[in-house]
Amino acid sequence: MDAFLHWIGFGSASPVASGGIIGYAKAGSVPSVTAGLLFGGLADLGAYQLSRDLRNIWVFLATPGTLAGIMGMRFHHSGKCMPAGLVAGASLLMVPHLGISVLNRSRQ
C-alpha cells in the first residue's frame, strides 16, 4: 500500500493544476492559475519525496490539508460545489488516509 501512496499524490497534482488553468481560461482568474500550479506542484513534490523515502510525508500531507481548508472556506462562503466543494471534499478524504498510513508505518 505504501507504494500506492505516492501515485495518489501524482494523480491529484494533475487535476489541481488543470483546474487552475481552466479557471484562468474561463474567467481570466490569475489567482486560480497561481494556486492551481502552486498546489499541483507541491502535490508533485510531495509525491516525489514520498517515492524516495516513505518517512518524508510532510509536504505530501500538508498540501491536501491546506487545500481542504482553503477550498472548504470558499465552499462555505459561496455554496458552489464546483470547484470548491469537489476539491475540498477530495482533499479532505486524502488527509485521514495519509495520516492512517503514517501511523501504520510508524508501528512497523
PDB file of N, CA and C in Angstrom:
ATOM      1  N   MET A   1       0.817  -1.193   0.000  1.00  0.00           N
ATOM      2  CA  MET A   1       0.000   0.000   0.000  1.00  0.00           C
ATOM      3  C   MET A   1       0.861   1.256   0.000  1.00  0.00           C
ATOM      4  N   ASP A   2       2.038   1.220   0.623  1.00  0.00           N
ATOM      5  CA  ASP A   2       2.895   2.390   0.658  1.00  0.00           C
ATOM      6  C   ASP A   2       3.338   2.821  -0.729  1.00  0.00           C
ATOM      7  N   ALA A   3       3.588   1.862  -1.608  1.00  0.00           N
ATOM      8  CA  ALA A   3       3.990   2.212  -2.969  1.00  0.00           C
ATOM      9  C   ALA A   3       2.853   2.912  -3.700  1.00  0.00           C
ATOM     10  N   PHE A   4       1.632   2.616  -3.303  1.00  0.00           N
ATOM     11  CA  PHE A   4       0.469   3.226  -3.930  1.00  0.00           C
ATOM     12  C   PHE A   4       0.290   4.681  -3.504  1.00  0.00           C
ATOM     13  N   LEU A   5       0.768   5.045  -2.309  1.00  0.00           N
ATOM     14  CA  LEU A   5       0.551   6.390  -1.783  1.00  0.00           C
ATOM     15  C   LEU A   5       1.097   7.486  -2.678  1.00  0.00           C
ATOM     16  N   HIS A   6       2.325   7.340  -3.148  1.00  0.00           N
ATOM     17  CA  HIS A   6       2.868   8.434  -3.951  1.00  0.00           C
ATOM     18  C   HIS A   6       2.147   8.566  -5.282  1.00  0.00           C
ATOM     19  N   TRP A   7       1.536   7.484  -5.780  1.00  0.00           N
ATOM     20  CA  TRP A   7       0.759   7.602  -7.016  1.00  0.00           C
ATOM     21  C   TRP A   7      -0.513   8.411  -6.787  1.00  0.00           C
ATOM     22  N   ILE A   8      -1.052   8.370  -5.566  1.00  0.00           N
ATOM     23  CA  ILE A   8      -2.192   9.228  -5.227  1.00  0.00           C
ATOM     24  C   ILE A   8      -1.780  10.687  -5.357  1.00  0.00           C
ATOM     25  N   GLY A   9      -0.592  11.012  -4.878  1.00  0.00           N
ATOM     26  CA  GLY A   9      -0.095  12.386  -4.974  1.00  0.00           C
ATOM     27  C   GLY A   9       0.110  12.824  -6.405  1.00  0.00           C
ATOM     28  N   PHE A  10       0.737  11.973  -7.206  1.00  0.00           N
ATOM     29  CA  PHE A  10       0.928  12.314  -8.622  1.00  0.00           C
ATOM     30  C   PHE A  10      -0.427  12.456  -9.316  1.00  0.00           C
ATOM     31  N   GLY A  11      -1.372  11.586  -8.946  1.00  0.00           N
ATOM     32  CA  GLY A  11      -2.702  11.639  -9.554  1.00  0.00           C
ATOM     33  C   GLY A  11      -3.501  12.854  -9.146  1.00  0.00           C
ATOM     34  N   SER A  12      -3.286  13.361  -7.945  1.00  0.00           N
ATOM     35  CA  SER A  12      -4.021  14.546  -7.503  1.00  0.00           C
ATOM     36  C   SER A  12      -3.401  15.832  -8.014  1.00  0.00           C
ATOM     37  N   ALA A  13      -2.142  15.814  -8.346  1.00  0.00           N
ATOM     38  CA  ALA A  13      -1.468  17.026  -8.815  1.00  0.00           C
ATOM     39  C   ALA A  13      -2.017  17.495 -10.155  1.00  0.00           C
ATOM     40  N   SER A  14      -2.277  16.570 -11.026  1.00  0.00           N
ATOM     41  CA  SER A  14      -2.728  16.924 -12.369  1.00  0.00           C
ATOM     42  C   SER A  14      -4.089  17.621 -12.388  1.00  0.00           C
ATOM     43  N   PRO A  15      -5.122  17.092 -11.724  1.00  0.00           N
ATOM     44  CA  PRO A  15      -6.402  17.811 -11.744  1.00  0.00           C
ATOM     45  C   PRO A  15      -6.359  19.157 -11.033  1.00  0.00           C
ATOM     46  N   VAL A  16      -5.537  19.271  -9.992  1.00  0.00           N
ATOM     47  CA  VAL A  16      -5.439  20.551  -9.285  1.00  0.00           C
ATOM     48  C   VAL A  16      -4.814  21.602 -10.201  1.00  0.00           C
ATOM     49  N   ALA A  17      -3.712  21.248 -10.844  1.00  0.00           N
ATOM     50  CA  ALA A  17      -3.071  22.187 -11.773  1.00  0.00           C
ATOM     51  C   ALA A  17      -3.978  22.482 -12.968  1.00  0.00           C
ATOM     52  N   SER A  18      -4.622  21.457 -13.498  1.00  0.00           N
ATOM     53  CA  SER A  18      -5.529  21.640 -14.636  1.00  0.00           C
ATOM     54  C   SER A  18      -6.696  22.543 -14.272  1.00  0.00           C
ATOM     55  N   GLY A  19      -7.226  22.381 -13.055  1.00  0.00           N
ATOM     56  CA  GLY A  19      -8.326  23.226 -12.603  1.00  0.00           C
ATOM     57  C   GLY A  19      -7.937  24.688 -12.538  1.00  0.00           C
ATOM     58  N   GLY A  20      -6.718  24.956 -12.102  1.00  0.00           N
ATOM     59  CA  GLY A  20      -6.238  26.340 -12.085  1.00  0.00           C
ATOM     60  C   GLY A  20      -6.132  26.915 -13.479  1.00  0.00           C
ATOM     61  N   ILE A  21      -5.644  26.111 -14.404  1.00  0.00           N
ATOM     62  CA  ILE A  21      -5.516  26.561 -15.794  1.00  0.00           C
ATOM     63  C   ILE A  21      -6.897  26.783 -16.409  1.00  0.00           C
ATOM     64  N   ILE A  22      -7.837  25.897 -16.122  1.00  0.00           N
ATOM     65  CA  ILE A  22      -9.200  26.056 -16.640  1.00  0.00           C
ATOM     66  C   ILE A  22      -9.850  27.309 -16.049  1.00  0.00           C
ATOM     67  N   GLY A  23      -9.635  27.550 -14.761  1.00  0.00           N
ATOM     68  CA  GLY A  23     -10.158  28.767 -14.130  1.00  0.00           C
ATOM     69  C   GLY A  23      -9.629  30.021 -14.793  1.00  0.00           C
ATOM     70  N   TYR A  24      -8.371  29.986 -15.173  1.00  0.00           N
ATOM     71  CA  TYR A  24      -7.786  31.135 -15.872  1.00  0.00           C
ATOM     72  C   TYR A  24      -8.366  31.261 -17.280  1.00  0.00           C
ATOM     73  N   ALA A  25      -8.504  30.139 -17.978  1.00  0.00           N
ATOM     74  CA  ALA A  25      -9.016  30.174 -19.350  1.00  0.00           C
ATOM     75  C   ALA A  25     -10.469  30.643 -19.396  1.00  0.00           C
ATOM     76  N   LYS A  26     -11.287  30.221 -18.434  1.00  0.00           N
ATOM     77  CA  LYS A  26     -12.704  30.577 -18.446  1.00  0.00           C
ATOM     78  C   LYS A  26     -12.967  31.976 -17.914  1.00  0.00           C
ATOM     79  N   ALA A  27     -12.289  32.354 -16.851  1.00  0.00           N
ATOM     80  CA  ALA A  27     -12.621  33.615 -16.181  1.00  0.00           C
ATOM     81  C   ALA A  27     -11.465  34.608 -16.137  1.00  0.00           C
ATOM     82  N   GLY A  28     -10.311  34.228 -16.669  1.00  0.00           N
ATOM     83  CA  GLY A  28      -9.152  35.115 -16.607  1.00  0.00           C
ATOM     84  C   GLY A  28      -8.629  35.288 -15.192  1.00  0.00           C
ATOM     85  N   SER A  29      -8.867  34.291 -14.341  1.00  0.00           N
ATOM     86  CA  SER A  29      -8.509  34.382 -12.929  1.00  0.00           C
ATOM     87  C   SER A  29      -7.041  34.021 -12.709  1.00  0.00           C
ATOM     88  N   VAL A  30      -6.244  35.049 -12.432  1.00  0.00           N
ATOM     89  CA  VAL A  30      -4.829  34.838 -12.140  1.00  0.00           C
ATOM     90  C   VAL A  30      -4.647  34.093 -10.813  1.00  0.00           C
ATOM     91  N   PRO A  31      -5.454  34.400  -9.760  1.00  0.00           N
ATOM     92  CA  PRO A  31      -5.306  33.613  -8.528  1.00  0.00           C
ATOM     93  C   PRO A  31      -5.580  32.125  -8.738  1.00  0.00           C
ATOM     94  N   SER A  32      -6.527  31.785  -9.628  1.00  0.00           N
ATOM     95  CA  SER A  32      -6.820  30.369  -9.884  1.00  0.00           C
ATOM     96  C   SER A  32      -5.628  29.658 -10.497  1.00  0.00           C
ATOM     97  N   VAL A  33      -5.032  30.249 -11.511  1.00  0.00           N
ATOM     98  CA  VAL A  33      -3.897  29.592 -12.159  1.00  0.00           C
ATOM     99  C   VAL A  33      -2.698  29.538 -11.221  1.00  0.00           C
ATOM    100  N   THR A  34      -2.501  30.595 -10.439  1.00  0.00           N
ATOM    101  CA  THR A  34      -1.377  30.617  -9.497  1.00  0.00           C
ATOM    102  C   THR A  34      -1.547  29.535  -8.432  1.00  0.00           C
ATOM    103  N   ALA A  35      -2.728  29.484  -7.811  1.00  0.00           N
ATOM    104  CA  ALA A  35      -2.974  28.489  -6.766  1.00  0.00           C
ATOM    105  C   ALA A  35      -2.962  27.079  -7.345  1.00  0.00           C
ATOM    106  N   GLY A  36      -3.552  26.895  -8.519  1.00  0.00           N
ATOM    107  CA  GLY A  36      -3.578  25.571  -9.136  1.00  0.00           C
ATOM    108  C   GLY A  36      -2.188  25.049  -9.422  1.00  0.00           C
ATOM    109  N   LEU A  37      -1.355  25.906 -10.008  1.00  0.00           N
ATOM    110  CA  LEU A  37       0.008  25.469 -10.318  1.00  0.00           C
ATOM    111  C   LEU A  37       0.847  25.296  -9.053  1.00  0.00           C
ATOM    112  N   LEU A  38       0.635  26.167  -8.064  1.00  0.00           N
ATOM    113  CA  LEU A  38       1.374  26.047  -6.799  1.00  0.00           C
ATOM    114  C   LEU A  38       1.023  24.745  -6.081  1.00  0.00           C
ATOM    115  N   PHE A  39      -0.266  24.495  -5.879  1.00  0.00           N
ATOM    116  CA  PHE A  39      -0.664  23.291  -5.156  1.00  0.00           C
ATOM    117  C   PHE A  39      -0.441  22.026  -5.980  1.00  0.00           C
ATOM    118  N   GLY A  40      -0.594  22.110  -7.288  1.00  0.00           N
ATOM    119  CA  GLY A  40      -0.263  20.966  -8.136  1.00  0.00           C
ATOM    120  C   GLY A  40       1.219  20.639  -8.054  1.00  0.00           C
ATOM    121  N   GLY A  41       2.050  21.681  -8.064  1.00  0.00           N
ATOM    122  CA  GLY A  41       3.495  21.483  -7.936  1.00  0.00           C
ATOM    123  C   GLY A  41       3.877  20.920  -6.576  1.00  0.00           C
ATOM    124  N   LEU A  42       3.220  21.410  -5.520  1.00  0.00           N
ATOM    125  CA  LEU A  42       3.504  20.890  -4.183  1.00  0.00           C
ATOM    126  C   LEU A  42       3.067  19.432  -4.045  1.00  0.00           C
ATOM    127  N   ALA A  43       1.933  19.089  -4.650  1.00  0.00           N
ATOM    128  CA  ALA A  43       1.493  17.686  -4.621  1.00  0.00           C
ATOM    129  C   ALA A  43       2.488  16.801  -5.360  1.00  0.00           C
ATOM    130  N   ASP A  44       2.997  17.292  -6.489  1.00  0.00           N
ATOM    131  CA  ASP A  44       4.027  16.547  -7.225  1.00  0.00           C
ATOM    132  C   ASP A  44       5.301  16.397  -6.399  1.00  0.00           C
ATOM    133  N   LEU A  45       5.734  17.494  -5.779  1.00  0.00           N
ATOM    134  CA  LEU A  45       6.939  17.461  -4.950  1.00  0.00           C
ATOM    135  C   LEU A  45       6.764  16.486  -3.784  1.00  0.00           C
ATOM    136  N   GLY A  46       5.626  16.555  -3.118  1.00  0.00           N
ATOM    137  CA  GLY A  46       5.371  15.645  -2.001  1.00  0.00           C
ATOM    138  C   GLY A  46       5.354  14.192  -2.442  1.00  0.00           C
ATOM    139  N   ALA A  47       4.740  13.927  -3.586  1.00  0.00           N
ATOM    140  CA  ALA A  47       4.706  12.555  -4.099  1.00  0.00           C
ATOM    141  C   ALA A  47       6.102  12.079  -4.474  1.00  0.00           C
ATOM    142  N   TYR A  48       6.886  12.960  -5.061  1.00  0.00           N
ATOM    143  CA  TYR A  48       8.258  12.598  -5.415  1.00  0.00           C
ATOM    144  C   TYR A  48       9.074  12.288  -4.158  1.00  0.00           C
ATOM    145  N   GLN A  49       8.963  13.152  -3.148  1.00  0.00           N
ATOM    146  CA  GLN A  49       9.693  12.918  -1.904  1.00  0.00           C
ATOM    147  C   GLN A  49       9.269  11.604  -1.258  1.00  0.00           C
ATOM    148  N   LEU A  50       7.976  11.329  -1.281  1.00  0.00           N
ATOM    149  CA  LEU A  50       7.465  10.100  -0.699  1.00  0.00           C
ATOM    150  C   LEU A  50       7.953   8.869  -1.461  1.00  0.00           C
ATOM    151  N   SER A  51       8.083   8.995  -2.779  1.00  0.00           N
ATOM    152  CA  SER A  51       8.558   7.850  -3.567  1.00  0.00           C
ATOM    153  C   SER A  51      10.022   7.542  -3.271  1.00  0.00           C
ATOM    154  N   ARG A  52      10.768   8.532  -2.801  1.00  0.00           N
ATOM    155  CA  ARG A  52      12.182   8.336  -2.466  1.00  0.00           C
ATOM    156  C   ARG A  52      12.385   7.842  -1.037  1.00  0.00           C
ATOM    157  N   ASP A  53      11.547   8.330  -0.115  1.00  0.00           N
ATOM    158  CA  ASP A  53      11.675   7.954   1.295  1.00  0.00           C
ATOM    159  C   ASP A  53      10.281   7.985   1.920  1.00  0.00           C
ATOM    160  N   LEU A  54       9.789   6.849   2.345  1.00  0.00           N
ATOM    161  CA  LEU A  54       8.429   6.750   2.866  1.00  0.00           C
ATOM    162  C   LEU A  54       8.218   7.516   4.165  1.00  0.00           C
ATOM    163  N   ARG A  55       9.287   7.924   4.828  1.00  0.00           N
ATOM    164  CA  ARG A  55       9.135   8.724   6.041  1.00  0.00           C
ATOM    165  C   ARG A  55       8.985  10.205   5.741  1.00  0.00           C
ATOM    166  N   ASN A  56       9.244  10.626   4.527  1.00  0.00           N
ATOM    167  CA  ASN A  56       9.205  12.033   4.144  1.00  0.00           C
ATOM    168  C   ASN A  56       7.813  12.376   3.603  1.00  0.00           C
ATOM    169  N   ILE A  57       6.850  12.459   4.494  1.00  0.00           N
ATOM    170  CA  ILE A  57       5.453  12.603   4.078  1.00  0.00           C
ATOM    171  C   ILE A  57       4.888  14.002   4.345  1.00  0.00           C
ATOM    172  N   TRP A  58       5.657  14.892   4.942  1.00  0.00           N
ATOM    173  CA  TRP A  58       5.091  16.148   5.444  1.00  0.00           C
ATOM    174  C   TRP A  58       4.591  17.085   4.355  1.00  0.00           C
ATOM    175  N   VAL A  59       5.304  17.259   3.261  1.00  0.00           N
ATOM    176  CA  VAL A  59       4.802  18.092   2.159  1.00  0.00           C
ATOM    177  C   VAL A  59       3.583  17.422   1.543  1.00  0.00           C
ATOM    178  N   PHE A  60       3.656  16.112   1.425  1.00  0.00           N
ATOM    179  CA  PHE A  60       2.565  15.335   0.851  1.00  0.00           C
ATOM    180  C   PHE A  60       1.303  15.429   1.710  1.00  0.00           C
ATOM    181  N   LEU A  61       1.456  15.511   3.021  1.00  0.00           N
ATOM    182  CA  LEU A  61       0.330  15.606   3.944  1.00  0.00           C
ATOM    183  C   LEU A  61      -0.164  17.047   4.081  1.00  0.00           C
ATOM    184  N   ALA A  62       0.729  18.007   4.078  1.00  0.00           N
ATOM    185  CA  ALA A  62       0.344  19.415   4.254  1.00  0.00           C
ATOM    186  C   ALA A  62      -0.393  19.977   3.037  1.00  0.00           C
ATOM    187  N   THR A  63      -0.075  19.498   1.854  1.00  0.00           N
ATOM    188  CA  THR A  63      -0.696  20.041   0.642  1.00  0.00           C
ATOM    189  C   THR A  63      -2.200  19.799   0.618  1.00  0.00           C
ATOM    190  N   PRO A  64      -2.697  18.554   0.737  1.00  0.00           N
ATOM    191  CA  PRO A  64      -4.160  18.399   0.728  1.00  0.00           C
ATOM    192  C   PRO A  64      -4.823  18.990   1.969  1.00  0.00           C
ATOM    193  N   GLY A  65      -4.113  19.022   3.093  1.00  0.00           N
ATOM    194  CA  GLY A  65      -4.679  19.627   4.296  1.00  0.00           C
ATOM    195  C   GLY A  65      -4.930  21.113   4.108  1.00  0.00           C
ATOM    196  N   THR A  66      -3.956  21.803   3.557  1.00  0.00           N
ATOM    197  CA  THR A  66      -4.102  23.234   3.285  1.00  0.00           C
ATOM    198  C   THR A  66      -5.159  23.482   2.222  1.00  0.00           C
ATOM    199  N   LEU A  67      -5.117  22.683   1.177  1.00  0.00           N
ATOM    200  CA  LEU A  67      -6.082  22.822   0.088  1.00  0.00           C
ATOM    201  C   LEU A  67      -7.505  22.560   0.586  1.00  0.00           C
ATOM    202  N   ALA A  68      -7.682  21.580   1.464  1.00  0.00           N
ATOM    203  CA  ALA A  68      -9.007  21.306   2.033  1.00  0.00           C
ATOM    204  C   ALA A  68      -9.502  22.498   2.844  1.00  0.00           C
ATOM    205  N   GLY A  69      -8.614  23.106   3.605  1.00  0.00           N
ATOM    206  CA  GLY A  69      -9.002  24.271   4.402  1.00  0.00           C
ATOM    207  C   GLY A  69      -9.391  25.464   3.550  1.00  0.00           C
ATOM    208  N   ILE A  70      -8.570  25.785   2.577  1.00  0.00           N
ATOM    209  CA  ILE A  70      -8.830  26.943   1.714  1.00  0.00           C
ATOM    210  C   ILE A  70     -10.099  26.740   0.894  1.00  0.00           C
ATOM    211  N   MET A  71     -10.189  25.593   0.229  1.00  0.00           N
ATOM    212  CA  MET A  71     -11.345  25.353  -0.627  1.00  0.00           C
ATOM    213  C   MET A  71     -12.602  25.089   0.204  1.00  0.00           C
ATOM    214  N   GLY A  72     -12.449  24.562   1.407  1.00  0.00           N
ATOM    215  CA  GLY A  72     -13.592  24.395   2.299  1.00  0.00           C
ATOM    216  C   GLY A  72     -14.188  25.736   2.694  1.00  0.00           C
ATOM    217  N   MET A  73     -13.329  26.716   2.977  1.00  0.00           N
ATOM    218  CA  MET A  73     -13.812  28.064   3.285  1.00  0.00           C
ATOM    219  C   MET A  73     -14.498  28.686   2.068  1.00  0.00           C
ATOM    220  N   ARG A  74     -13.917  28.485   0.892  1.00  0.00           N
ATOM    221  CA  ARG A  74     -14.549  29.008  -0.320  1.00  0.00           C
ATOM    222  C   ARG A  74     -15.910  28.373  -0.553  1.00  0.00           C
ATOM    223  N   PHE A  75     -16.012  27.061  -0.321  1.00  0.00           N
ATOM    224  CA  PHE A  75     -17.282  26.366  -0.471  1.00  0.00           C
ATOM    225  C   PHE A  75     -18.304  26.882   0.536  1.00  0.00           C
ATOM    226  N   HIS A  76     -17.865  27.086   1.761  1.00  0.00           N
ATOM    227  CA  HIS A  76     -18.760  27.581   2.807  1.00  0.00           C
ATOM    228  C   HIS A  76     -19.317  28.961   2.454  1.00  0.00           C
ATOM    229  N   HIS A  77     -18.475  29.824   1.911  1.00  0.00           N
ATOM    230  CA  HIS A  77     -18.911  31.187   1.582  1.00  0.00           C
ATOM    231  C   HIS A  77     -19.713  31.252   0.290  1.00  0.00           C
ATOM    232  N   SER A  78     -19.355  30.431  -0.691  1.00  0.00           N
ATOM    233  CA  SER A  78     -20.024  30.524  -1.992  1.00  0.00           C
ATOM    234  C   SER A  78     -21.164  29.521  -2.151  1.00  0.00           C
ATOM    235  N   GLY A  79     -21.067  28.369  -1.492  1.00  0.00           N
ATOM    236  CA  GLY A  79     -22.062  27.322  -1.656  1.00  0.00           C
ATOM    237  C   GLY A  79     -21.949  26.581  -2.981  1.00  0.00           C
ATOM    238  N   LYS A  80     -20.913  26.879  -3.764  1.00  0.00           N
ATOM    239  CA  LYS A  80     -20.740  26.241  -5.076  1.00  0.00           C
ATOM    240  C   LYS A  80     -19.941  24.952  -4.936  1.00  0.00           C
ATOM    241  N   CYS A  81     -20.517  23.889  -5.511  1.00  0.00           N
ATOM    242  CA  CYS A  81     -19.832  22.591  -5.439  1.00  0.00           C
ATOM    243  C   CYS A  81     -18.665  22.504  -6.405  1.00  0.00           C
ATOM    244  N   MET A  82     -18.722  23.248  -7.490  1.00  0.00           N
ATOM    245  CA  MET A  82     -17.636  23.224  -8.472  1.00  0.00           C
ATOM    246  C   MET A  82     -16.937  24.557  -8.499  1.00  0.00           C
ATOM    247  N   PRO A  83     -15.695  24.603  -8.324  1.00  0.00           N
ATOM    248  CA  PRO A  83     -14.747  23.551  -7.980  1.00  0.00           C
ATOM    249  C   PRO A  83     -14.499  23.421  -6.481  1.00  0.00           C
ATOM    250  N   ALA A  84     -14.945  24.418  -5.698  1.00  0.00           N
ATOM    251  CA  ALA A  84     -14.543  24.477  -4.291  1.00  0.00           C
ATOM    252  C   ALA A  84     -14.984  23.249  -3.498  1.00  0.00           C
ATOM    253  N   GLY A  85     -16.232  22.844  -3.612  1.00  0.00           N
ATOM    254  CA  GLY A  85     -16.727  21.703  -2.845  1.00  0.00           C
ATOM    255  C   GLY A  85     -16.064  20.401  -3.232  1.00  0.00           C
ATOM    256  N   LEU A  86     -15.869  20.213  -4.520  1.00  0.00           N
ATOM    257  CA  LEU A  86     -15.237  18.991  -5.016  1.00  0.00           C
ATOM    258  C   LEU A  86     -13.787  18.884  -4.553  1.00  0.00           C
ATOM    259  N   VAL A  87     -13.035  19.951  -4.701  1.00  0.00           N
ATOM    260  CA  VAL A  87     -11.618  19.937  -4.304  1.00  0.00           C
ATOM    261  C   VAL A  87     -11.495  19.799  -2.786  1.00  0.00           C
ATOM    262  N   ALA A  88     -12.345  20.519  -2.047  1.00  0.00           N
ATOM    263  CA  ALA A  88     -12.301  20.419  -0.581  1.00  0.00           C
ATOM    264  C   ALA A  88     -12.622  18.994  -0.141  1.00  0.00           C
ATOM    265  N   GLY A  89     -13.634  18.392  -0.720  1.00  0.00           N
ATOM    266  CA  GLY A  89     -14.013  17.026  -0.351  1.00  0.00           C
ATOM    267  C   GLY A  89     -12.932  16.012  -0.672  1.00  0.00           C
ATOM    268  N   ALA A  90     -12.386  16.104  -1.870  1.00  0.00           N
ATOM    269  CA  ALA A  90     -11.327  15.165  -2.269  1.00  0.00           C
ATOM    270  C   ALA A  90     -10.095  15.332  -1.383  1.00  0.00           C
ATOM    271  N   SER A  91      -9.727  16.567  -1.106  1.00  0.00           N
ATOM    272  CA  SER A  91      -8.561  16.821  -0.256  1.00  0.00           C
ATOM    273  C   SER A  91      -8.820  16.359   1.172  1.00  0.00           C
ATOM    274  N   LEU A  92     -10.037  16.585   1.640  1.00  0.00           N
ATOM    275  CA  LEU A  92     -10.391  16.182   2.995  1.00  0.00           C
ATOM    276  C   LEU A  92     -10.348  14.667   3.152  1.00  0.00           C
ATOM    277  N   LEU A  93     -10.683  13.942   2.112  1.00  0.00           N
ATOM    278  CA  LEU A  93     -10.605  12.482   2.164  1.00  0.00           C
ATOM    279  C   LEU A  93      -9.165  11.981   2.148  1.00  0.00           C
ATOM    280  N   MET A  94      -8.276  12.733   1.513  1.00  0.00           N
ATOM    281  CA  MET A  94      -6.874  12.307   1.443  1.00  0.00           C
ATOM    282  C   MET A  94      -6.168  12.424   2.784  1.00  0.00           C
ATOM    283  N   VAL A  95      -6.483  13.458   3.566  1.00  0.00           N
ATOM    284  CA  VAL A  95      -5.753  13.720   4.811  1.00  0.00           C
ATOM    285  C   VAL A  95      -5.851  12.553   5.796  1.00  0.00           C
ATOM    286  N   PRO A  96      -7.057  12.040   6.123  1.00  0.00           N
ATOM    287  CA  PRO A  96      -7.087  10.903   7.058  1.00  0.00           C
ATOM    288  C   PRO A  96      -6.417   9.652   6.490  1.00  0.00           C
ATOM    289  N   HIS A  97      -6.561   9.445   5.193  1.00  0.00           N
ATOM    290  CA  HIS A  97      -5.920   8.290   4.564  1.00  0.00           C
ATOM    291  C   HIS A  97      -4.407   8.362   4.731  1.00  0.00           C
ATOM    292  N   LEU A  98      -3.857   9.539   4.492  1.00  0.00           N
ATOM    293  CA  LEU A  98      -2.411   9.713   4.637  1.00  0.00           C
ATOM    294  C   LEU A  98      -1.998   9.599   6.098  1.00  0.00           C
ATOM    295  N   GLY A  99      -2.790  10.175   6.999  1.00  0.00           N
ATOM    296  CA  GLY A  99      -2.484  10.098   8.425  1.00  0.00           C
ATOM    297  C   GLY A  99      -2.478   8.666   8.940  1.00  0.00           C
ATOM    298  N   ILE A 100      -3.458   7.883   8.518  1.00  0.00           N
ATOM    299  CA  ILE A 100      -3.512   6.475   8.911  1.00  0.00           C
ATOM    300  C   ILE A 100      -2.310   5.724   8.366  1.00  0.00           C
ATOM    301  N   SER A 101      -1.914   6.036   7.144  1.00  0.00           N
ATOM    302  CA  SER A 101      -0.739   5.386   6.561  1.00  0.00           C
ATOM    303  C   SER A 101       0.519   5.713   7.351  1.00  0.00           C
ATOM    304  N   VAL A 102       0.635   6.956   7.801  1.00  0.00           N
ATOM    305  CA  VAL A 102       1.799   7.350   8.617  1.00  0.00           C
ATOM    306  C   VAL A 102       1.788   6.590   9.937  1.00  0.00           C
ATOM    307  N   LEU A 103       0.632   6.509  10.585  1.00  0.00           N
ATOM    308  CA  LEU A 103       0.539   5.786  11.858  1.00  0.00           C
ATOM    309  C   LEU A 103       0.857   4.304  11.687  1.00  0.00           C
ATOM    310  N   ASN A 104       0.340   3.694  10.646  1.00  0.00           N
ATOM    311  CA  ASN A 104       0.623   2.278  10.397  1.00  0.00           C
ATOM    312  C   ASN A 104       2.096   2.060  10.133  1.00  0.00           C
ATOM    313  N   ARG A 105       2.729   2.975   9.418  1.00  0.00           N
ATOM    314  CA  ARG A 105       4.144   2.842   9.106  1.00  0.00           C
ATOM    315  C   ARG A 105       4.995   3.002  10.357  1.00  0.00           C
ATOM    316  N   SER A 106       4.558   3.894  11.279  1.00  0.00           N
ATOM    317  CA  SER A 106       5.364   4.103  12.491  1.00  0.00           C
ATOM    318  C   SER A 106       5.286   2.900  13.424  1.00  0.00           C
ATOM    319  N   ARG A 107       4.251   2.096  13.336  1.00  0.00           N
ATOM    320  CA  ARG A 107       4.112   0.912  14.179  1.00  0.00           C
ATOM    321  C   ARG A 107       4.971  -0.235  13.685  1.00  0.00           C
ATOM    322  N   GLN A 108       5.366  -0.196  12.429  1.00  0.00           N
ATOM    323  CA  GLN A 108       6.141  -1.304  11.858  1.00  0.00           C
ATOM    324  C   GLN A 108       7.583  -1.248  12.253  1.00  0.00           C
TER     325      GLN A 108
END
